[in-house]
Amino acid sequence: MENLLDFNSADNQQNNSERLDSEVIREALLGRIEDALFYLLPSGHIRNNCFHIGNTQGDPGKSLIVQLGGEKQGNWFDFSENTGGDIFSLWSEVRGYHKAEFNKLLKEISDWLGNPSTSYAAPKPVQRSFTDDLGKPTAKWDYFDKENRLIACVYR
């Protein structure tokens, strides 16, 4: 009797052109970490080489921090939830991916980085807020030119 379900000689069904290298994507993503964070969590702000946001849902606050540089670049921790991880796990949390969808996650990140393998829409530019929440100023200095016109104010 002939075995009709013998797949030993079948062609490889995996499309090698869509195989994504997670380390290459990680390096590219870390190279654009600020852009990625403001894309994912536009309400965040930068302070002391860290990105701050309330949580992975994008609420304002300071509970969740992401390291922007150094050996721990891309690592995040949410103090209110006691959770954290790397840049991939943050993207996954924000976008709602499950662990089994890692390849789908890599594909989305790759597309966002400009290496489209499917027809995802390009990310929209995000306006950044570079102000730190330092509270009310305690002092102010005005600077004037020769004609006594105000040219700058410095707040402390």
N, C-alpha and C. Protein backbone atom coordinates (compact mmCIF):
# COMPACT_ATOMS: atom_id res chain seq x y z
N MET A 1 0.84 -1.18 0.00
CA MET A 1 0.00 0.00 0.00
C MET A 1 0.88 1.24 0.00
N GLU A 2 0.61 2.18 -0.87
CA GLU A 2 1.39 3.41 -1.02
C GLU A 2 0.96 4.43 0.04
N ASN A 3 1.97 5.08 0.67
CA ASN A 3 1.68 6.08 1.70
C ASN A 3 1.47 7.43 1.02
N LEU A 4 0.24 7.91 0.98
CA LEU A 4 -0.09 9.16 0.30
C LEU A 4 0.23 10.39 1.14
N LEU A 5 0.50 10.22 2.42
CA LEU A 5 0.76 11.35 3.29
C LEU A 5 2.24 11.45 3.67
N ASP A 6 3.14 11.06 2.79
CA ASP A 6 4.57 11.14 3.06
C ASP A 6 5.06 12.53 2.65
N PHE A 7 5.38 13.34 3.63
CA PHE A 7 5.83 14.72 3.38
C PHE A 7 7.35 14.87 3.44
N ASN A 8 8.07 13.79 3.54
CA ASN A 8 9.53 13.85 3.67
C ASN A 8 10.20 14.52 2.48
N SER A 9 9.64 14.43 1.31
CA SER A 9 10.27 15.03 0.13
C SER A 9 9.57 16.32 -0.31
N ALA A 10 8.69 16.84 0.51
CA ALA A 10 7.96 18.07 0.15
C ALA A 10 8.89 19.27 0.21
N ASP A 11 8.60 20.30 -0.60
CA ASP A 11 9.37 21.53 -0.57
C ASP A 11 9.17 22.23 0.76
N ASN A 12 10.15 23.01 1.15
CA ASN A 12 10.07 23.79 2.38
C ASN A 12 8.93 24.80 2.22
N GLN A 13 8.00 24.79 3.15
CA GLN A 13 6.83 25.66 3.06
C GLN A 13 7.07 27.04 3.65
N GLN A 14 8.20 27.21 4.32
CA GLN A 14 8.50 28.48 4.94
C GLN A 14 9.12 29.40 3.90
N ASN A 15 8.63 30.63 3.85
CA ASN A 15 9.15 31.63 2.92
C ASN A 15 10.36 32.29 3.57
N ASN A 16 11.56 31.94 3.12
CA ASN A 16 12.78 32.46 3.72
C ASN A 16 12.93 33.96 3.55
N SER A 17 12.29 34.56 2.56
CA SER A 17 12.41 35.99 2.36
C SER A 17 11.72 36.77 3.49
N GLU A 18 10.80 36.12 4.21
CA GLU A 18 10.11 36.80 5.30
C GLU A 18 10.68 36.43 6.67
N ARG A 19 11.75 35.64 6.70
CA ARG A 19 12.38 35.31 7.98
C ARG A 19 13.06 36.56 8.51
N LEU A 20 12.75 36.91 9.74
CA LEU A 20 13.25 38.14 10.32
C LEU A 20 14.27 37.83 11.41
N ASP A 21 15.36 38.57 11.43
CA ASP A 21 16.42 38.40 12.40
C ASP A 21 16.14 39.33 13.59
N SER A 22 15.79 38.75 14.72
CA SER A 22 15.38 39.55 15.88
C SER A 22 16.51 40.45 16.39
N GLU A 23 17.76 40.00 16.31
CA GLU A 23 18.87 40.83 16.80
C GLU A 23 19.10 42.05 15.90
N VAL A 24 18.96 41.88 14.60
CA VAL A 24 19.10 43.01 13.68
C VAL A 24 17.98 44.02 13.93
N ILE A 25 16.77 43.51 14.14
CA ILE A 25 15.63 44.38 14.41
C ILE A 25 15.80 45.07 15.76
N ARG A 26 16.29 44.35 16.77
CA ARG A 26 16.52 44.94 18.09
C ARG A 26 17.51 46.09 17.99
N GLU A 27 18.63 45.89 17.29
CA GLU A 27 19.64 46.94 17.16
C GLU A 27 19.08 48.16 16.43
N ALA A 28 18.32 47.93 15.37
CA ALA A 28 17.72 49.04 14.64
C ALA A 28 16.70 49.78 15.50
N LEU A 29 15.93 49.03 16.27
CA LEU A 29 14.92 49.63 17.13
C LEU A 29 15.57 50.45 18.25
N LEU A 30 16.63 49.92 18.84
CA LEU A 30 17.34 50.66 19.88
C LEU A 30 18.01 51.91 19.31
N GLY A 31 18.40 51.86 18.05
CA GLY A 31 18.96 53.04 17.40
C GLY A 31 17.95 54.16 17.22
N ARG A 32 16.68 53.82 17.26
CA ARG A 32 15.60 54.82 17.13
C ARG A 32 14.65 54.73 18.33
N ILE A 33 15.22 54.49 19.49
CA ILE A 33 14.40 54.20 20.67
C ILE A 33 13.46 55.34 21.04
N GLU A 34 13.93 56.58 20.96
CA GLU A 34 13.04 57.70 21.32
C GLU A 34 11.87 57.79 20.35
N ASP A 35 12.15 57.66 19.05
CA ASP A 35 11.08 57.68 18.05
C ASP A 35 10.07 56.56 18.32
N ALA A 36 10.59 55.38 18.62
CA ALA A 36 9.71 54.23 18.86
C ALA A 36 8.83 54.46 20.09
N LEU A 37 9.42 54.99 21.15
CA LEU A 37 8.64 55.20 22.38
C LEU A 37 7.57 56.27 22.20
N PHE A 38 7.90 57.35 21.50
CA PHE A 38 6.88 58.37 21.27
C PHE A 38 5.83 57.89 20.28
N TYR A 39 6.19 56.96 19.39
CA TYR A 39 5.20 56.35 18.49
C TYR A 39 4.23 55.49 19.30
N LEU A 40 4.77 54.67 20.19
CA LEU A 40 3.93 53.77 20.98
C LEU A 40 3.16 54.49 22.08
N LEU A 41 3.84 55.44 22.74
CA LEU A 41 3.28 56.09 23.93
C LEU A 41 3.47 57.60 23.83
N PRO A 42 2.69 58.27 23.00
CA PRO A 42 2.90 59.69 22.71
C PRO A 42 2.78 60.62 23.92
N SER A 43 2.17 60.20 25.00
CA SER A 43 2.02 61.06 26.18
C SER A 43 3.24 61.05 27.09
N GLY A 44 4.23 60.26 26.75
CA GLY A 44 5.40 60.15 27.60
C GLY A 44 6.30 61.37 27.52
N HIS A 45 7.29 61.40 28.40
CA HIS A 45 8.27 62.48 28.39
C HIS A 45 9.64 61.93 28.80
N ILE A 46 10.67 62.69 28.45
CA ILE A 46 12.04 62.27 28.73
C ILE A 46 12.59 63.10 29.88
N ARG A 47 13.24 62.39 30.79
CA ARG A 47 13.88 63.05 31.93
C ARG A 47 14.98 62.14 32.45
N ASN A 48 16.17 62.71 32.65
CA ASN A 48 17.31 61.98 33.22
C ASN A 48 17.63 60.69 32.45
N ASN A 49 17.69 60.79 31.13
CA ASN A 49 18.03 59.66 30.25
C ASN A 49 17.05 58.49 30.37
N CYS A 50 15.81 58.81 30.78
CA CYS A 50 14.76 57.80 30.86
C CYS A 50 13.49 58.37 30.23
N PHE A 51 12.71 57.48 29.66
CA PHE A 51 11.39 57.82 29.13
C PHE A 51 10.39 57.47 30.22
N HIS A 52 9.51 58.39 30.55
CA HIS A 52 8.53 58.18 31.62
C HIS A 52 7.12 58.22 31.05
N ILE A 53 6.28 57.33 31.55
CA ILE A 53 4.86 57.27 31.18
C ILE A 53 4.13 56.59 32.34
N GLY A 54 2.84 56.72 32.40
CA GLY A 54 2.07 56.14 33.50
C GLY A 54 2.01 54.62 33.47
N ASN A 55 1.77 54.06 32.28
CA ASN A 55 1.64 52.60 32.16
C ASN A 55 1.68 52.22 30.68
N THR A 56 1.53 50.94 30.40
CA THR A 56 1.59 50.46 29.01
C THR A 56 0.35 50.84 28.21
N GLN A 57 -0.68 51.34 28.88
CA GLN A 57 -1.86 51.83 28.15
C GLN A 57 -1.66 53.27 27.67
N GLY A 58 -0.56 53.90 28.09
CA GLY A 58 -0.25 55.25 27.63
C GLY A 58 -0.78 56.36 28.50
N ASP A 59 -1.25 56.02 29.69
CA ASP A 59 -1.76 57.05 30.59
C ASP A 59 -0.61 57.93 31.08
N PRO A 60 -0.88 59.23 31.30
CA PRO A 60 0.18 60.10 31.81
C PRO A 60 0.63 59.66 33.19
N GLY A 61 1.88 59.92 33.50
CA GLY A 61 2.41 59.59 34.81
C GLY A 61 3.88 59.26 34.74
N LYS A 62 4.40 58.71 35.83
CA LYS A 62 5.83 58.42 35.90
C LYS A 62 6.10 56.99 36.39
N SER A 63 5.10 56.16 36.47
CA SER A 63 5.27 54.83 37.04
C SER A 63 6.12 53.91 36.16
N LEU A 64 6.00 54.04 34.86
CA LEU A 64 6.75 53.19 33.94
C LEU A 64 7.94 53.98 33.39
N ILE A 65 9.13 53.40 33.48
CA ILE A 65 10.31 54.06 32.93
C ILE A 65 10.99 53.13 31.93
N VAL A 66 11.62 53.73 30.91
CA VAL A 66 12.39 52.99 29.92
C VAL A 66 13.78 53.62 29.86
N GLN A 67 14.81 52.81 29.95
CA GLN A 67 16.18 53.30 29.86
C GLN A 67 16.49 53.68 28.40
N LEU A 68 17.01 54.89 28.20
CA LEU A 68 17.30 55.36 26.85
C LEU A 68 18.74 55.13 26.41
N GLY A 69 19.62 54.78 27.32
CA GLY A 69 21.01 54.58 26.94
C GLY A 69 21.70 53.61 27.87
N GLY A 70 22.96 53.36 27.58
CA GLY A 70 23.77 52.48 28.41
C GLY A 70 23.50 51.01 28.14
N GLU A 71 24.02 50.19 29.05
CA GLU A 71 23.90 48.73 28.91
C GLU A 71 22.46 48.25 28.97
N LYS A 72 21.63 48.98 29.67
CA LYS A 72 20.23 48.57 29.84
C LYS A 72 19.28 49.31 28.91
N GLN A 73 19.80 49.86 27.82
CA GLN A 73 18.97 50.59 26.87
C GLN A 73 17.82 49.72 26.40
N GLY A 74 16.61 50.28 26.45
CA GLY A 74 15.42 49.56 26.01
C GLY A 74 14.74 48.77 27.11
N ASN A 75 15.40 48.59 28.24
CA ASN A 75 14.76 47.88 29.35
C ASN A 75 13.76 48.81 30.02
N TRP A 76 12.64 48.25 30.45
CA TRP A 76 11.59 49.04 31.07
C TRP A 76 11.12 48.36 32.35
N PHE A 77 10.53 49.18 33.22
CA PHE A 77 9.94 48.65 34.44
C PHE A 77 8.77 49.53 34.84
N ASP A 78 7.66 48.90 35.19
CA ASP A 78 6.48 49.60 35.67
C ASP A 78 6.38 49.35 37.18
N PHE A 79 6.66 50.38 37.96
CA PHE A 79 6.71 50.23 39.41
C PHE A 79 5.34 49.93 40.02
N SER A 80 4.27 50.43 39.42
CA SER A 80 2.94 50.17 39.99
C SER A 80 2.47 48.74 39.71
N GLU A 81 2.90 48.16 38.61
CA GLU A 81 2.49 46.80 38.26
C GLU A 81 3.56 45.76 38.60
N ASN A 82 4.77 46.22 38.95
CA ASN A 82 5.90 45.34 39.23
C ASN A 82 6.20 44.41 38.05
N THR A 83 6.17 44.98 36.84
CA THR A 83 6.47 44.23 35.63
C THR A 83 7.51 44.99 34.81
N GLY A 84 8.16 44.29 33.92
CA GLY A 84 9.15 44.94 33.07
C GLY A 84 9.69 43.96 32.06
N GLY A 85 10.70 44.42 31.32
CA GLY A 85 11.29 43.56 30.30
C GLY A 85 12.13 44.37 29.35
N ASP A 86 12.28 43.84 28.13
CA ASP A 86 13.08 44.52 27.10
C ASP A 86 12.16 45.28 26.15
N ILE A 87 12.76 45.89 25.14
CA ILE A 87 11.99 46.72 24.20
C ILE A 87 10.94 45.90 23.44
N PHE A 88 11.24 44.63 23.15
CA PHE A 88 10.25 43.79 22.47
C PHE A 88 9.05 43.52 23.37
N SER A 89 9.30 43.25 24.65
CA SER A 89 8.18 42.97 25.54
C SER A 89 7.33 44.22 25.77
N LEU A 90 7.98 45.40 25.76
CA LEU A 90 7.21 46.64 25.89
C LEU A 90 6.31 46.84 24.68
N TRP A 91 6.87 46.69 23.47
CA TRP A 91 6.07 46.82 22.25
C TRP A 91 4.92 45.82 22.30
N SER A 92 5.21 44.61 22.72
CA SER A 92 4.20 43.57 22.80
C SER A 92 3.08 43.93 23.78
N GLU A 93 3.46 44.46 24.95
CA GLU A 93 2.46 44.87 25.95
C GLU A 93 1.58 46.00 25.42
N VAL A 94 2.22 47.00 24.83
CA VAL A 94 1.48 48.18 24.35
C VAL A 94 0.53 47.79 23.22
N ARG A 95 0.98 46.95 22.31
CA ARG A 95 0.19 46.60 21.13
C ARG A 95 -0.70 45.36 21.33
N GLY A 96 -0.58 44.68 22.48
CA GLY A 96 -1.47 43.56 22.80
C GLY A 96 -1.10 42.24 22.16
N TYR A 97 0.17 42.00 21.89
CA TYR A 97 0.60 40.71 21.34
C TYR A 97 0.74 39.68 22.45
N HIS A 98 0.56 38.41 22.09
CA HIS A 98 0.81 37.30 22.99
C HIS A 98 2.18 36.72 22.65
N LYS A 99 2.75 35.94 23.57
CA LYS A 99 4.08 35.37 23.35
C LYS A 99 4.14 34.55 22.07
N ALA A 100 3.07 33.87 21.73
CA ALA A 100 3.05 33.03 20.53
C ALA A 100 3.07 33.86 19.24
N GLU A 101 2.86 35.17 19.34
CA GLU A 101 2.81 36.04 18.16
C GLU A 101 4.12 36.82 17.96
N PHE A 102 5.24 36.26 18.40
CA PHE A 102 6.51 36.97 18.33
C PHE A 102 6.90 37.31 16.89
N ASN A 103 6.68 36.40 15.96
CA ASN A 103 7.02 36.69 14.56
C ASN A 103 6.16 37.82 13.99
N LYS A 104 4.91 37.85 14.39
CA LYS A 104 4.01 38.95 13.97
C LYS A 104 4.51 40.27 14.55
N LEU A 105 4.95 40.24 15.81
CA LEU A 105 5.52 41.41 16.46
C LEU A 105 6.76 41.89 15.71
N LEU A 106 7.67 40.97 15.39
CA LEU A 106 8.88 41.33 14.65
C LEU A 106 8.54 41.95 13.29
N LYS A 107 7.53 41.40 12.64
CA LYS A 107 7.13 41.92 11.33
C LYS A 107 6.62 43.35 11.46
N GLU A 108 5.79 43.62 12.48
CA GLU A 108 5.28 44.98 12.68
C GLU A 108 6.41 45.96 12.96
N ILE A 109 7.34 45.57 13.83
CA ILE A 109 8.46 46.45 14.16
C ILE A 109 9.33 46.68 12.93
N SER A 110 9.59 45.64 12.18
CA SER A 110 10.39 45.75 10.96
C SER A 110 9.73 46.70 9.97
N ASP A 111 8.44 46.59 9.83
CA ASP A 111 7.70 47.49 8.94
C ASP A 111 7.78 48.93 9.44
N TRP A 112 7.64 49.13 10.75
CA TRP A 112 7.73 50.48 11.31
C TRP A 112 9.12 51.07 11.08
N LEU A 113 10.12 50.24 11.12
CA LEU A 113 11.50 50.69 10.90
C LEU A 113 11.79 51.01 9.44
N GLY A 114 10.86 50.66 8.55
CA GLY A 114 11.05 50.97 7.14
C GLY A 114 11.49 49.79 6.31
N ASN A 115 11.34 48.60 6.84
CA ASN A 115 11.66 47.38 6.11
C ASN A 115 10.37 46.61 5.87
N PRO A 116 9.46 47.18 5.07
CA PRO A 116 8.14 46.56 4.96
C PRO A 116 8.17 45.20 4.29
N SER A 117 7.49 44.25 4.93
CA SER A 117 7.31 42.94 4.32
C SER A 117 5.84 42.69 4.06
N THR A 118 5.00 43.58 4.58
CA THR A 118 3.57 43.55 4.30
C THR A 118 3.12 44.99 4.13
N SER A 119 1.84 45.21 4.07
CA SER A 119 1.34 46.56 3.78
C SER A 119 0.88 47.30 5.01
N TYR A 120 1.67 47.32 6.09
CA TYR A 120 1.33 48.14 7.24
C TYR A 120 1.46 49.61 6.86
N ALA A 121 0.65 50.44 7.48
CA ALA A 121 0.75 51.88 7.24
C ALA A 121 1.99 52.43 7.93
N ALA A 122 2.62 53.40 7.32
CA ALA A 122 3.80 54.03 7.92
C ALA A 122 3.39 54.79 9.17
N PRO A 123 4.25 54.81 10.17
CA PRO A 123 3.90 55.54 11.39
C PRO A 123 3.78 57.03 11.15
N LYS A 124 2.85 57.64 11.85
CA LYS A 124 2.67 59.09 11.73
C LYS A 124 3.68 59.80 12.61
N PRO A 125 4.17 60.95 12.18
CA PRO A 125 5.09 61.69 13.04
C PRO A 125 4.40 62.09 14.34
N VAL A 126 5.15 62.07 15.41
CA VAL A 126 4.61 62.38 16.73
C VAL A 126 5.26 63.66 17.23
N GLN A 127 4.44 64.56 17.75
CA GLN A 127 4.99 65.76 18.37
C GLN A 127 5.49 65.38 19.74
N ARG A 128 6.71 65.78 20.04
CA ARG A 128 7.32 65.42 21.30
C ARG A 128 7.22 66.57 22.29
N SER A 129 7.11 66.20 23.53
CA SER A 129 7.14 67.16 24.61
C SER A 129 8.45 66.95 25.36
N PHE A 130 9.37 67.90 25.23
CA PHE A 130 10.67 67.76 25.85
C PHE A 130 10.76 68.49 27.18
N THR A 131 9.65 68.80 27.78
CA THR A 131 9.69 69.53 29.05
C THR A 131 9.70 68.54 30.20
N ASP A 132 10.44 68.88 31.21
CA ASP A 132 10.44 68.11 32.44
C ASP A 132 9.43 68.73 33.39
N ASP A 133 8.81 67.90 34.19
CA ASP A 133 7.86 68.39 35.17
C ASP A 133 8.64 68.75 36.44
N LEU A 134 9.14 69.98 36.49
CA LEU A 134 9.98 70.42 37.59
C LEU A 134 9.23 71.27 38.60
N GLY A 135 7.99 71.51 38.38
CA GLY A 135 7.22 72.35 39.29
C GLY A 135 7.28 73.81 38.88
N LYS A 136 6.75 74.67 39.75
CA LYS A 136 6.72 76.10 39.47
C LYS A 136 8.11 76.70 39.62
N PRO A 137 8.45 77.71 38.80
CA PRO A 137 9.77 78.34 38.92
C PRO A 137 9.89 79.09 40.25
N THR A 138 11.13 79.15 40.75
CA THR A 138 11.38 79.86 42.00
C THR A 138 12.03 81.22 41.75
N ALA A 139 12.54 81.43 40.53
CA ALA A 139 13.16 82.72 40.20
C ALA A 139 13.11 82.92 38.70
N LYS A 140 13.27 84.21 38.28
CA LYS A 140 13.22 84.54 36.85
C LYS A 140 14.21 85.66 36.57
N TRP A 141 14.97 85.51 35.47
CA TRP A 141 15.90 86.54 35.03
C TRP A 141 15.55 86.94 33.60
N ASP A 142 15.43 88.24 33.36
CA ASP A 142 15.16 88.76 32.03
C ASP A 142 16.46 89.30 31.44
N TYR A 143 16.66 89.05 30.15
CA TYR A 143 17.84 89.54 29.45
C TYR A 143 17.38 90.47 28.33
N PHE A 144 18.05 91.64 28.23
CA PHE A 144 17.65 92.68 27.29
C PHE A 144 18.81 93.00 26.34
N ASP A 145 18.46 93.46 25.13
CA ASP A 145 19.50 93.92 24.21
C ASP A 145 19.82 95.40 24.48
N LYS A 146 20.66 96.02 23.61
CA LYS A 146 21.08 97.41 23.81
C LYS A 146 19.90 98.39 23.81
N GLU A 147 18.85 98.07 23.05
CA GLU A 147 17.68 98.94 22.97
C GLU A 147 16.66 98.60 24.06
N ASN A 148 17.06 97.84 25.05
CA ASN A 148 16.21 97.48 26.17
C ASN A 148 14.99 96.63 25.76
N ARG A 149 15.16 95.83 24.69
CA ARG A 149 14.11 94.89 24.28
C ARG A 149 14.39 93.54 24.90
N LEU A 150 13.37 92.93 25.40
CA LEU A 150 13.51 91.61 26.02
C LEU A 150 13.94 90.59 24.96
N ILE A 151 15.03 89.86 25.20
CA ILE A 151 15.48 88.85 24.23
C ILE A 151 15.42 87.43 24.82
N ALA A 152 15.39 87.30 26.15
CA ALA A 152 15.34 85.97 26.74
C ALA A 152 14.91 86.05 28.20
N CYS A 153 14.30 84.96 28.65
CA CYS A 153 13.94 84.82 30.06
C CYS A 153 14.49 83.47 30.52
N VAL A 154 15.07 83.46 31.70
CA VAL A 154 15.58 82.22 32.28
C VAL A 154 14.85 82.01 33.59
N TYR A 155 14.27 80.83 33.72
CA TYR A 155 13.54 80.49 34.92
C TYR A 155 14.30 79.44 35.72
N ARG A 156 14.25 79.56 37.03
CA ARG A 156 14.86 78.54 37.88
C ARG A 156 13.76 77.86 38.66
